[in-house]
Amino acid sequence: MDRKTIERNRRIIMKDLCFKLTSLIPPQHSKPAKELLSQLDQFDQAASYIKQLRERIEELERRKRLLALTTADETNNIIRNSVIELKLPILRFRDLGSCFEVVLISGHKKKFMLYQVIRILEEGGAEVVIASLSNISDNVFLTFHAQVKVCRIGVDTSGIFQRLQALIS
């Protein structure tokens, strides 16, 4: 191709990109004009809009961090205060049909391992989908979300519950 054709294609592409850029600016942000805006004015509006979006993002991120800190502190205080009042270890078993949730909370006197609980669940016919472990002060929180491996066979939830009770006793 000759240089003239290349330059014409470049101008067409740039004109198309400028149109796309101005189409992304919402009408409430663009200044109403009775005449057509020059490309320089359109670029200024786009730059102003981008700057406004960045400021909004920074403000929202600041508020998110502040809210996360506040929520985390409140949650930790609630957990710390409630666990002090409870007799450990604790087993909570919630059957949700084809899936279930197991929450174990242990103190420093009685600890059990993650693999022990997973083995009990899998031997009972369940498949562990999510497992999480958290340490808060001297307490260990184990949370398991499991589902039935084979729907036709099902899960022996009462057997699993009894074996978990025996584990924490």
Protein backbone atom coordinates (compact mmCIF):
# COMPACT_ATOMS: atom_id res chain seq x y z
CA MET A 1 0.00 0.00 0.00
CA ASP A 2 1.12 3.51 -0.59
CA ARG A 3 1.66 6.08 2.13
CA LYS A 4 -1.46 8.04 1.22
CA THR A 5 -3.73 5.01 1.76
CA ILE A 6 -2.04 4.13 5.04
CA GLU A 7 -2.51 7.68 6.32
CA ARG A 8 -6.18 7.73 5.26
CA ASN A 9 -6.78 4.42 7.09
CA ARG A 10 -5.04 5.77 10.19
CA ARG A 11 -7.27 8.89 10.17
CA ILE A 12 -10.40 6.74 9.76
CA ILE A 13 -9.35 4.53 12.68
CA MET A 14 -8.53 7.57 14.87
CA LYS A 15 -11.87 9.21 14.00
CA ASP A 16 -13.67 5.97 14.94
CA LEU A 17 -11.76 5.73 18.24
CA CYS A 18 -12.58 9.39 19.07
CA PHE A 19 -16.25 8.69 18.39
CA LYS A 20 -16.15 5.63 20.68
CA LEU A 21 -14.47 7.68 23.40
CA THR A 22 -17.09 10.43 23.30
CA SER A 23 -19.89 7.86 23.22
CA LEU A 24 -18.62 6.43 26.54
CA ILE A 25 -19.06 9.75 28.36
CA PRO A 26 -22.52 9.84 29.97
CA PRO A 27 -24.78 12.71 28.87
CA GLN A 28 -25.02 14.16 32.39
CA HIS A 29 -21.25 14.68 32.43
CA SER A 30 -20.85 16.20 28.98
CA LYS A 31 -21.44 19.91 28.65
CA PRO A 32 -24.48 20.79 26.57
CA ALA A 33 -23.35 22.60 23.46
CA LYS A 34 -25.36 24.23 20.74
CA GLU A 35 -22.60 23.65 18.25
CA LEU A 36 -20.38 20.67 17.69
CA LEU A 37 -17.45 20.33 20.05
CA SER A 38 -13.95 20.19 18.68
CA GLN A 39 -11.91 17.05 19.24
CA LEU A 40 -9.82 18.92 21.78
CA ASP A 41 -12.97 19.79 23.78
CA GLN A 42 -14.13 16.18 23.55
CA PHE A 43 -10.75 14.99 24.86
CA ASP A 44 -10.94 17.50 27.71
CA GLN A 45 -14.38 16.20 28.67
CA ALA A 46 -13.15 12.61 28.54
CA ALA A 47 -10.11 13.44 30.67
CA SER A 48 -12.31 15.26 33.18
CA TYR A 49 -14.69 12.30 33.36
CA ILE A 50 -11.84 9.82 33.84
CA LYS A 51 -10.41 12.00 36.63
CA GLN A 52 -13.82 12.12 38.29
CA LEU A 53 -14.13 8.31 38.05
CA ARG A 54 -10.68 7.82 39.60
CA GLU A 55 -11.58 10.09 42.52
CA ARG A 56 -14.83 8.17 43.01
CA ILE A 57 -12.96 4.83 42.96
CA GLU A 58 -10.44 6.08 45.54
CA GLU A 59 -13.26 7.32 47.77
CA LEU A 60 -15.13 4.00 47.51
CA GLU A 61 -11.96 2.00 48.22
CA ARG A 62 -11.26 4.15 51.27
CA ARG A 63 -14.82 3.60 52.54
CA LYS A 64 -14.54 -0.14 51.84
CA ARG A 65 -11.29 -0.41 53.85
CA LEU A 66 -12.81 1.55 56.72
CA LEU A 67 -15.94 -0.62 56.70
CA ALA A 68 -13.91 -3.84 56.51
CA LEU A 69 -11.78 -2.80 59.49
CA THR A 70 -14.84 -1.86 61.52
CA THR A 71 -16.68 -5.06 60.63
CA ALA A 72 -13.65 -7.28 61.29
CA ASP A 73 -13.06 -5.70 64.70
CA GLU A 74 -16.72 -6.07 65.67
CA THR A 75 -16.83 -9.68 64.46
CA ASN A 76 -13.66 -10.62 66.33
CA ASN A 77 -15.00 -9.06 69.53
CA ILE A 78 -18.32 -10.89 69.21
CA ILE A 79 -16.60 -14.22 68.54
CA ARG A 80 -14.10 -13.72 71.33
CA ASN A 81 -16.82 -12.81 73.84
CA SER A 82 -19.17 -15.61 72.82
CA VAL A 83 -16.50 -18.32 72.75
CA ILE A 84 -15.35 -17.43 76.25
CA GLU A 85 -18.87 -18.18 77.50
CA LEU A 86 -19.12 -21.52 75.64
CA LYS A 87 -17.93 -24.90 76.78
CA LEU A 88 -15.48 -26.26 74.23
CA PRO A 89 -15.28 -28.28 72.02
CA ILE A 90 -18.45 -27.51 70.07
CA LEU A 91 -19.95 -29.45 67.15
CA ARG A 92 -22.63 -27.93 64.95
CA PHE A 93 -24.06 -30.15 62.22
CA ARG A 94 -26.59 -28.72 59.77
CA ASP A 95 -28.26 -31.03 57.24
CA LEU A 96 -29.31 -29.19 54.05
CA GLY A 97 -30.67 -32.12 52.04
CA SER A 98 -28.06 -33.22 49.50
CA CYS A 99 -25.38 -31.19 51.26
CA PHE A 100 -24.54 -30.29 54.84
CA GLU A 101 -22.34 -28.06 56.96
CA VAL A 102 -20.15 -29.07 59.89
CA VAL A 103 -18.64 -26.50 62.25
CA LEU A 104 -16.20 -27.58 64.96
CA ILE A 105 -14.78 -25.22 67.54
CA SER A 106 -12.04 -26.45 69.83
CA GLY A 107 -10.03 -24.88 72.57
CA HIS A 108 -6.45 -25.35 73.63
CA LYS A 109 -7.29 -28.42 75.76
CA LYS A 110 -8.89 -30.54 73.02
CA LYS A 111 -7.62 -30.25 69.45
CA PHE A 112 -8.37 -32.44 66.47
CA MET A 113 -6.91 -32.49 63.02
CA LEU A 114 -8.46 -31.43 59.76
CA TYR A 115 -7.70 -34.78 58.11
CA GLN A 116 -9.57 -36.66 60.86
CA VAL A 117 -12.80 -34.81 60.17
CA ILE A 118 -12.43 -35.11 56.39
CA ARG A 119 -11.86 -38.86 56.71
CA ILE A 120 -15.04 -39.24 58.81
CA LEU A 121 -17.06 -37.27 56.25
CA GLU A 122 -15.72 -39.21 53.27
CA GLU A 123 -16.20 -42.60 54.95
CA GLY A 124 -19.83 -41.59 55.56
CA GLY A 125 -20.39 -41.05 51.83
CA ALA A 126 -19.85 -37.30 51.61
CA GLU A 127 -17.47 -35.29 49.51
CA VAL A 128 -15.91 -32.21 51.12
CA VAL A 129 -16.45 -29.23 48.83
CA ILE A 130 -15.08 -26.46 51.04
CA ALA A 131 -12.97 -26.71 54.19
CA SER A 132 -11.69 -23.77 56.18
CA LEU A 133 -9.63 -23.41 59.32
CA SER A 134 -9.38 -20.26 61.44
CA ASN A 135 -7.48 -19.52 64.62
CA ILE A 136 -8.82 -16.87 66.95
CA SER A 137 -6.84 -16.51 70.16
CA ASP A 138 -6.61 -20.08 71.57
CA ASN A 139 -9.58 -21.43 69.62
CA VAL A 140 -9.60 -23.34 66.34
CA PHE A 141 -12.62 -23.03 64.05
CA LEU A 142 -13.07 -25.76 61.43
CA THR A 143 -15.86 -25.34 58.89
CA PHE A 144 -16.77 -27.94 56.28
CA HIS A 145 -19.29 -27.83 53.47
CA ALA A 146 -19.90 -31.29 52.05
CA GLN A 147 -22.25 -32.89 49.58
CA VAL A 148 -23.43 -36.39 48.75
CA LYS A 149 -20.92 -38.31 46.60
CA VAL A 150 -23.49 -40.59 44.97
CA CYS A 151 -27.11 -39.40 45.07
CA ARG A 152 -28.59 -42.91 44.80
CA ILE A 153 -26.70 -44.14 47.85
CA GLY A 154 -26.99 -41.00 49.99
CA VAL A 155 -25.14 -40.07 53.16
CA ASP A 156 -25.34 -41.57 56.63
CA THR A 157 -25.70 -38.23 58.44
CA SER A 158 -26.55 -39.78 61.80
CA GLY A 159 -23.47 -42.03 61.59
CA ILE A 160 -21.27 -39.09 60.63
CA PHE A 161 -22.68 -37.03 63.49
CA GLN A 162 -22.04 -39.84 66.00
CA ARG A 163 -18.46 -40.35 64.80
CA LEU A 164 -17.78 -36.61 65.01
CA GLN A 165 -19.24 -36.55 68.53
CA ALA A 166 -16.91 -39.40 69.46
CA LEU A 167 -13.97 -37.51 67.97
CA ILE A 168 -14.55 -34.38 70.03
CA SER A 169 -15.35 -36.26 73.28
